[in-house]
Amino acid sequence: TKKKKATDVTPPTHCTQSTPTCLLVGIDWADAENAFAMRDPNGKLHRGTFKQTPEAIASLLSNWEKLFPGASVIVCIETKRGALINALLEYKHVQITPVNPNQLANYRKSFKHGGGKSDSVDAMLILQFLENYRSELRPLQQDSDLTRQLALLTFHRRELVNQRVNLSQQLIDVLKCFFPLILQLNPAKIYANWVVAMILN
C-alpha cells in the first residue's frame, strides 16, 4: 500500500460539545526552539516555531487567544516533563496530552518523508496523531505545589550528584599524575575530608 505524506491530514471533528471551541496543537520540542502545527476550529492549519522562553510561550498563546477568544488549547507532545511542560501548565486553558515516543515512532513509519528528521514534519505528525487518537490519550494532570517542589528538588539533587561524579573523576585523573600514592590507599570516597586534607597539606 502507498504510504501517505505527513501533510495528508483530514481534519476530524475536534472538540466535544462541552468544549465547542478548541485549538489542537502538535509540538516537536527542542532545547532552544520548538516547532508547532496547530489546527484551528475552522480546520485551517497554522505552522511555525517559537523560542524556549516564557516570554515566547506567553506571546504565542496570547496571539491565539486574540484570534480565537475563549478557545481551549489541546497540546500533544513527546514528553511529560521539562521547561516547556512547566510553562504550559501555568495556563489553565491549556491541556497537555503526552504521547509515548515509541507510539509516535511506529506511527511515523506509516508516512514517507525521505527518512530525515524535520521538526516541522514531526510537529505535523504529532498533530495528526492527536487528531486521530485523541480519545486514547490521557491528559497530563498538574501536580500539587508540594509535589512539584519535591520533583524540582529531586532534579537538582540528581544534577549535583552527576556533577560530583564528574569532579571526582577529574580529581582521580589529577592524582594519577601528581599523587598516585593516595590512590593506593583505596579511599572509599575520593572526595573524603582526609583525602582533601592530604592534598592541601
C-alpha atoms as a PDB file:
ATOM      1  CA  THR A   1       0.000   0.000   0.000  1.00  0.00           C
ATOM      2  CA  LYS A   2       1.107   3.512  -0.762  1.00  0.00           C
ATOM      3  CA  LYS A   3       2.318   5.454   2.225  1.00  0.00           C
ATOM      4  CA  LYS A   4       0.718   8.782   2.986  1.00  0.00           C
ATOM      5  CA  LYS A   5       2.608  12.025   3.348  1.00  0.00           C
ATOM      6  CA  ALA A   6       2.742  13.706   6.729  1.00  0.00           C
ATOM      7  CA  THR A   7       0.744  16.631   5.372  1.00  0.00           C
ATOM      8  CA  ASP A   8      -2.114  14.436   4.098  1.00  0.00           C
ATOM      9  CA  VAL A   9      -4.379  15.202   7.046  1.00  0.00           C
ATOM     10  CA  THR A  10      -8.151  15.040   7.019  1.00  0.00           C
ATOM     11  CA  PRO A  11      -9.359  17.356   9.790  1.00  0.00           C
ATOM     12  CA  PRO A  12     -11.760  15.414  12.041  1.00  0.00           C
ATOM     13  CA  THR A  13     -14.310  16.810  14.451  1.00  0.00           C
ATOM     14  CA  HIS A  14     -12.003  18.297  17.057  1.00  0.00           C
ATOM     15  CA  CYS A  15     -13.970  19.088  20.164  1.00  0.00           C
ATOM     16  CA  THR A  16     -16.746  17.685  22.251  1.00  0.00           C
ATOM     17  CA  GLN A  17     -19.945  19.572  22.935  1.00  0.00           C
ATOM     18  CA  SER A  18     -18.579  20.605  26.316  1.00  0.00           C
ATOM     19  CA  THR A  19     -15.650  22.337  24.613  1.00  0.00           C
ATOM     20  CA  PRO A  20     -17.093  23.624  21.306  1.00  0.00           C
ATOM     21  CA  THR A  21     -14.044  25.774  20.553  1.00  0.00           C
ATOM     22  CA  CYS A  22     -10.518  24.424  20.854  1.00  0.00           C
ATOM     23  CA  LEU A  23      -7.176  24.501  19.115  1.00  0.00           C
ATOM     24  CA  LEU A  24      -5.344  21.230  18.505  1.00  0.00           C
ATOM     25  CA  VAL A  25      -1.566  21.619  18.604  1.00  0.00           C
ATOM     26  CA  GLY A  26       1.305  19.255  17.887  1.00  0.00           C
ATOM     27  CA  ILE A  27       4.688  20.386  19.231  1.00  0.00           C
ATOM     28  CA  ASP A  28       8.090  18.979  18.345  1.00  0.00           C
ATOM     29  CA  TRP A  29      10.134  20.292  21.251  1.00  0.00           C
ATOM     30  CA  ALA A  30      13.833  21.127  21.457  1.00  0.00           C
ATOM     31  CA  ASP A  31      16.154  22.822  23.934  1.00  0.00           C
ATOM     32  CA  ALA A  32      16.181  26.229  22.265  1.00  0.00           C
ATOM     33  CA  GLU A  33      13.326  26.359  19.734  1.00  0.00           C
ATOM     34  CA  ASN A  34      10.118  24.368  19.279  1.00  0.00           C
ATOM     35  CA  ALA A  35       8.154  23.683  16.099  1.00  0.00           C
ATOM     36  CA  PHE A  36       4.352  23.583  16.172  1.00  0.00           C
ATOM     37  CA  ALA A  37       1.455  22.654  13.922  1.00  0.00           C
ATOM     38  CA  MET A  38      -1.967  23.959  15.029  1.00  0.00           C
ATOM     39  CA  ARG A  39      -5.423  23.226  13.649  1.00  0.00           C
ATOM     40  CA  ASP A  40      -7.967  25.937  14.421  1.00  0.00           C
ATOM     41  CA  PRO A  41     -11.736  25.356  14.887  1.00  0.00           C
ATOM     42  CA  ASN A  42     -12.303  26.194  11.216  1.00  0.00           C
ATOM     43  CA  GLY A  43      -9.961  23.423  10.072  1.00  0.00           C
ATOM     44  CA  LYS A  44      -7.203  25.808   8.979  1.00  0.00           C
ATOM     45  CA  LEU A  45      -3.612  24.720   9.587  1.00  0.00           C
ATOM     46  CA  HIS A  46      -1.111  27.063  11.254  1.00  0.00           C
ATOM     47  CA  ARG A  47       2.605  26.195  11.447  1.00  0.00           C
ATOM     48  CA  GLY A  48       5.630  27.900  12.919  1.00  0.00           C
ATOM     49  CA  THR A  49       8.280  27.927  15.635  1.00  0.00           C
ATOM     50  CA  PHE A  50       8.734  29.627  18.983  1.00  0.00           C
ATOM     51  CA  LYS A  51      11.672  30.076  21.316  1.00  0.00           C
ATOM     52  CA  GLN A  52      12.023  28.069  24.501  1.00  0.00           C
ATOM     53  CA  THR A  53      11.417  31.064  26.753  1.00  0.00           C
ATOM     54  CA  PRO A  54       8.468  32.016  28.994  1.00  0.00           C
ATOM     55  CA  GLU A  55       8.071  35.252  27.031  1.00  0.00           C
ATOM     56  CA  ALA A  56       7.842  33.473  23.666  1.00  0.00           C
ATOM     57  CA  ILE A  57       5.371  30.906  25.000  1.00  0.00           C
ATOM     58  CA  ALA A  58       3.216  33.639  26.537  1.00  0.00           C
ATOM     59  CA  SER A  59       3.297  35.622  23.285  1.00  0.00           C
ATOM     60  CA  LEU A  60       2.238  32.609  21.197  1.00  0.00           C
ATOM     61  CA  LEU A  61      -0.678  31.732  23.489  1.00  0.00           C
ATOM     62  CA  SER A  62      -1.702  35.388  23.663  1.00  0.00           C
ATOM     63  CA  ASN A  63      -1.825  35.625  19.862  1.00  0.00           C
ATOM     64  CA  TRP A  64      -4.000  32.527  19.676  1.00  0.00           C
ATOM     65  CA  GLU A  65      -6.283  33.942  22.358  1.00  0.00           C
ATOM     66  CA  LYS A  66      -6.741  37.110  20.296  1.00  0.00           C
ATOM     67  CA  LEU A  67      -7.544  35.099  17.164  1.00  0.00           C
ATOM     68  CA  PHE A  68      -9.821  32.620  18.954  1.00  0.00           C
ATOM     69  CA  PRO A  69     -11.165  34.196  22.168  1.00  0.00           C
ATOM     70  CA  GLY A  70     -12.097  31.683  24.841  1.00  0.00           C
ATOM     71  CA  ALA A  71     -10.697  28.707  22.939  1.00  0.00           C
ATOM     72  CA  SER A  72      -9.147  25.801  24.814  1.00  0.00           C
ATOM     73  CA  VAL A  73      -5.708  24.650  23.669  1.00  0.00           C
ATOM     74  CA  ILE A  74      -5.038  20.904  23.436  1.00  0.00           C
ATOM     75  CA  VAL A  75      -1.299  20.269  23.140  1.00  0.00           C
ATOM     76  CA  CYS A  76       0.249  16.940  22.152  1.00  0.00           C
ATOM     77  CA  ILE A  77       3.962  16.495  22.839  1.00  0.00           C
ATOM     78  CA  GLU A  78       6.514  13.698  23.270  1.00  0.00           C
ATOM     79  CA  THR A  79       7.396  14.404  26.894  1.00  0.00           C
ATOM     80  CA  LYS A  80       5.819  14.667  30.339  1.00  0.00           C
ATOM     81  CA  ARG A  81       8.365  16.965  31.936  1.00  0.00           C
ATOM     82  CA  GLY A  82      10.734  19.806  31.190  1.00  0.00           C
ATOM     83  CA  ALA A  83      10.771  23.584  30.935  1.00  0.00           C
ATOM     84  CA  LEU A  84       8.130  23.701  28.192  1.00  0.00           C
ATOM     85  CA  ILE A  85       5.747  21.456  30.129  1.00  0.00           C
ATOM     86  CA  ASN A  86       6.213  23.516  33.296  1.00  0.00           C
ATOM     87  CA  ALA A  87       5.499  26.710  31.372  1.00  0.00           C
ATOM     88  CA  LEU A  88       2.360  25.347  29.690  1.00  0.00           C
ATOM     89  CA  LEU A  89       0.989  24.044  32.996  1.00  0.00           C
ATOM     90  CA  GLU A  90       0.726  27.639  34.186  1.00  0.00           C
ATOM     91  CA  TYR A  91      -2.121  28.253  31.716  1.00  0.00           C
ATOM     92  CA  LYS A  92      -5.480  26.881  32.842  1.00  0.00           C
ATOM     93  CA  HIS A  93      -6.924  26.847  29.311  1.00  0.00           C
ATOM     94  CA  VAL A  94      -4.090  24.620  28.059  1.00  0.00           C
ATOM     95  CA  GLN A  95      -4.450  20.843  28.262  1.00  0.00           C
ATOM     96  CA  ILE A  96      -1.327  18.738  27.707  1.00  0.00           C
ATOM     97  CA  THR A  97      -1.666  15.227  26.264  1.00  0.00           C
ATOM     98  CA  PRO A  98       1.728  13.485  26.224  1.00  0.00           C
ATOM     99  CA  VAL A  99       2.350  10.817  23.611  1.00  0.00           C
ATOM    100  CA  ASN A 100       4.725   7.896  24.089  1.00  0.00           C
ATOM    101  CA  PRO A 101       7.769   8.345  21.796  1.00  0.00           C
ATOM    102  CA  ASN A 102       7.563   4.655  20.825  1.00  0.00           C
ATOM    103  CA  GLN A 103       3.946   5.093  19.739  1.00  0.00           C
ATOM    104  CA  LEU A 104       4.865   8.069  17.614  1.00  0.00           C
ATOM    105  CA  ALA A 105       7.897   6.282  16.150  1.00  0.00           C
ATOM    106  CA  ASN A 106       5.647   3.454  14.945  1.00  0.00           C
ATOM    107  CA  TYR A 107       3.131   5.992  13.654  1.00  0.00           C
ATOM    108  CA  ARG A 108       5.906   7.845  11.804  1.00  0.00           C
ATOM    109  CA  LYS A 109       6.819   4.672   9.891  1.00  0.00           C
ATOM    110  CA  SER A 110       3.495   4.817   8.044  1.00  0.00           C
ATOM    111  CA  PHE A 111       4.491   8.100   6.434  1.00  0.00           C
ATOM    112  CA  LYS A 112       7.006   8.768   3.718  1.00  0.00           C
ATOM    113  CA  HIS A 113       9.060  11.924   4.053  1.00  0.00           C
ATOM    114  CA  GLY A 114      12.575  10.977   2.949  1.00  0.00           C
ATOM    115  CA  GLY A 115      13.646   9.373   6.198  1.00  0.00           C
ATOM    116  CA  GLY A 116      15.338  12.510   7.540  1.00  0.00           C
ATOM    117  CA  LYS A 117      14.184  14.236  10.693  1.00  0.00           C
ATOM    118  CA  SER A 118      12.362  17.520  10.259  1.00  0.00           C
ATOM    119  CA  ASP A 119      10.975  19.449  13.227  1.00  0.00           C
ATOM    120  CA  SER A 120       8.213  20.877  11.059  1.00  0.00           C
ATOM    121  CA  VAL A 121       7.211  17.470   9.699  1.00  0.00           C
ATOM    122  CA  ASP A 122       7.339  15.896  13.160  1.00  0.00           C
ATOM    123  CA  ALA A 123       5.110  18.637  14.581  1.00  0.00           C
ATOM    124  CA  MET A 124       2.627  17.880  11.799  1.00  0.00           C
ATOM    125  CA  LEU A 125       2.777  14.160  12.581  1.00  0.00           C
ATOM    126  CA  ILE A 126       2.167  14.813  16.272  1.00  0.00           C
ATOM    127  CA  LEU A 127      -0.819  16.988  15.394  1.00  0.00           C
ATOM    128  CA  GLN A 128      -2.232  14.276  13.154  1.00  0.00           C
ATOM    129  CA  PHE A 129      -1.687  11.682  15.888  1.00  0.00           C
ATOM    130  CA  LEU A 130      -3.637  13.917  18.260  1.00  0.00           C
ATOM    131  CA  GLU A 131      -6.446  14.384  15.759  1.00  0.00           C
ATOM    132  CA  ASN A 132      -6.771  10.672  15.098  1.00  0.00           C
ATOM    133  CA  TYR A 133      -6.182   9.240  18.583  1.00  0.00           C
ATOM    134  CA  ARG A 134      -7.163  11.998  20.987  1.00  0.00           C
ATOM    135  CA  SER A 135      -9.721   9.799  22.738  1.00  0.00           C
ATOM    136  CA  GLU A 136      -6.957   7.304  23.604  1.00  0.00           C
ATOM    137  CA  LEU A 137      -4.565   9.881  25.062  1.00  0.00           C
ATOM    138  CA  ARG A 138      -4.605  10.718  28.751  1.00  0.00           C
ATOM    139  CA  PRO A 139      -4.301  14.409  29.689  1.00  0.00           C
ATOM    140  CA  LEU A 140      -1.391  15.293  31.933  1.00  0.00           C
ATOM    141  CA  GLN A 141      -2.583  16.123  35.432  1.00  0.00           C
ATOM    142  CA  GLN A 142      -0.930  19.046  37.171  1.00  0.00           C
ATOM    143  CA  ASP A 143       0.832  18.061  40.374  1.00  0.00           C
ATOM    144  CA  SER A 144       0.256  19.828  43.648  1.00  0.00           C
ATOM    145  CA  ASP A 145       2.651  22.613  44.627  1.00  0.00           C
ATOM    146  CA  LEU A 146       4.339  20.314  47.148  1.00  0.00           C
ATOM    147  CA  THR A 147       4.816  17.544  44.573  1.00  0.00           C
ATOM    148  CA  ARG A 148       6.233  19.993  42.041  1.00  0.00           C
ATOM    149  CA  GLN A 149       8.660  21.384  44.633  1.00  0.00           C
ATOM    150  CA  LEU A 150       9.757  17.854  45.526  1.00  0.00           C
ATOM    151  CA  ALA A 151      10.272  16.998  41.855  1.00  0.00           C
ATOM    152  CA  LEU A 152      12.340  20.151  41.390  1.00  0.00           C
ATOM    153  CA  LEU A 153      14.490  19.358  44.435  1.00  0.00           C
ATOM    154  CA  THR A 154      14.980  15.789  43.203  1.00  0.00           C
ATOM    155  CA  PHE A 155      16.037  17.091  39.795  1.00  0.00           C
ATOM    156  CA  HIS A 156      18.596  19.478  41.327  1.00  0.00           C
ATOM    157  CA  ARG A 157      19.913  16.731  43.613  1.00  0.00           C
ATOM    158  CA  ARG A 158      20.444  14.463  40.604  1.00  0.00           C
ATOM    159  CA  GLU A 159      22.289  17.274  38.825  1.00  0.00           C
ATOM    160  CA  LEU A 160      24.537  17.796  41.855  1.00  0.00           C
ATOM    161  CA  VAL A 161      25.255  14.064  42.144  1.00  0.00           C
ATOM    162  CA  ASN A 162      26.225  13.951  38.469  1.00  0.00           C
ATOM    163  CA  GLN A 163      28.448  16.980  38.984  1.00  0.00           C
ATOM    164  CA  ARG A 164      30.130  15.291  41.961  1.00  0.00           C
ATOM    165  CA  VAL A 165      30.783  12.170  39.870  1.00  0.00           C
ATOM    166  CA  ASN A 166      32.391  14.237  37.113  1.00  0.00           C
ATOM    167  CA  LEU A 167      34.542  16.206  39.559  1.00  0.00           C
ATOM    168  CA  SER A 168      35.587  13.005  41.327  1.00  0.00           C
ATOM    169  CA  GLN A 169      36.780  11.534  38.042  1.00  0.00           C
ATOM    170  CA  GLN A 170      38.725  14.720  37.292  1.00  0.00           C
ATOM    171  CA  LEU A 171      40.324  14.542  40.750  1.00  0.00           C
ATOM    172  CA  ILE A 172      41.334  10.917  40.180  1.00  0.00           C
ATOM    173  CA  ASP A 173      42.981  11.863  36.887  1.00  0.00           C
ATOM    174  CA  VAL A 174      44.973  14.604  38.640  1.00  0.00           C
ATOM    175  CA  LEU A 175      46.003  12.283  41.467  1.00  0.00           C
ATOM    176  CA  LYS A 176      47.260   9.697  38.972  1.00  0.00           C
ATOM    177  CA  CYS A 177      49.680  12.286  37.658  1.00  0.00           C
ATOM    178  CA  PHE A 178      50.817  14.013  40.858  1.00  0.00           C
ATOM    179  CA  PHE A 179      49.771  11.957  43.925  1.00  0.00           C
ATOM    180  CA  PRO A 180      49.462   8.303  42.854  1.00  0.00           C
ATOM    181  CA  LEU A 181      50.222   7.084  46.409  1.00  0.00           C
ATOM    182  CA  ILE A 182      46.899   8.454  47.616  1.00  0.00           C
ATOM    183  CA  LEU A 183      45.080   6.221  45.165  1.00  0.00           C
ATOM    184  CA  GLN A 184      46.921   3.199  46.552  1.00  0.00           C
ATOM    185  CA  LEU A 185      45.151   3.825  49.864  1.00  0.00           C
ATOM    186  CA  ASN A 186      41.889   2.949  48.086  1.00  0.00           C
ATOM    187  CA  PRO A 187      39.728   5.651  49.665  1.00  0.00           C
ATOM    188  CA  ALA A 188      36.029   4.784  49.656  1.00  0.00           C
ATOM    189  CA  LYS A 189      35.316   8.359  48.633  1.00  0.00           C
ATOM    190  CA  ILE A 190      37.950  10.191  46.671  1.00  0.00           C
ATOM    191  CA  TYR A 191      36.484  13.471  47.948  1.00  0.00           C
ATOM    192  CA  ALA A 192      36.667  12.423  51.622  1.00  0.00           C
ATOM    193  CA  ASN A 193      37.895  15.107  54.041  1.00  0.00           C
ATOM    194  CA  TRP A 194      41.119  13.271  54.869  1.00  0.00           C
ATOM    195  CA  VAL A 195      41.972  12.903  51.167  1.00  0.00           C
ATOM    196  CA  VAL A 196      41.406  16.619  50.594  1.00  0.00           C
ATOM    197  CA  ALA A 197      43.478  17.442  53.694  1.00  0.00           C
ATOM    198  CA  MET A 198      46.399  15.338  52.419  1.00  0.00           C
ATOM    199  CA  ILE A 199      46.302  17.088  49.056  1.00  0.00           C
ATOM    200  CA  LEU A 200      46.135  20.571  50.549  1.00  0.00           C
ATOM    201  CA  ASN A 201      48.905  19.868  53.064  1.00  0.00           C
END
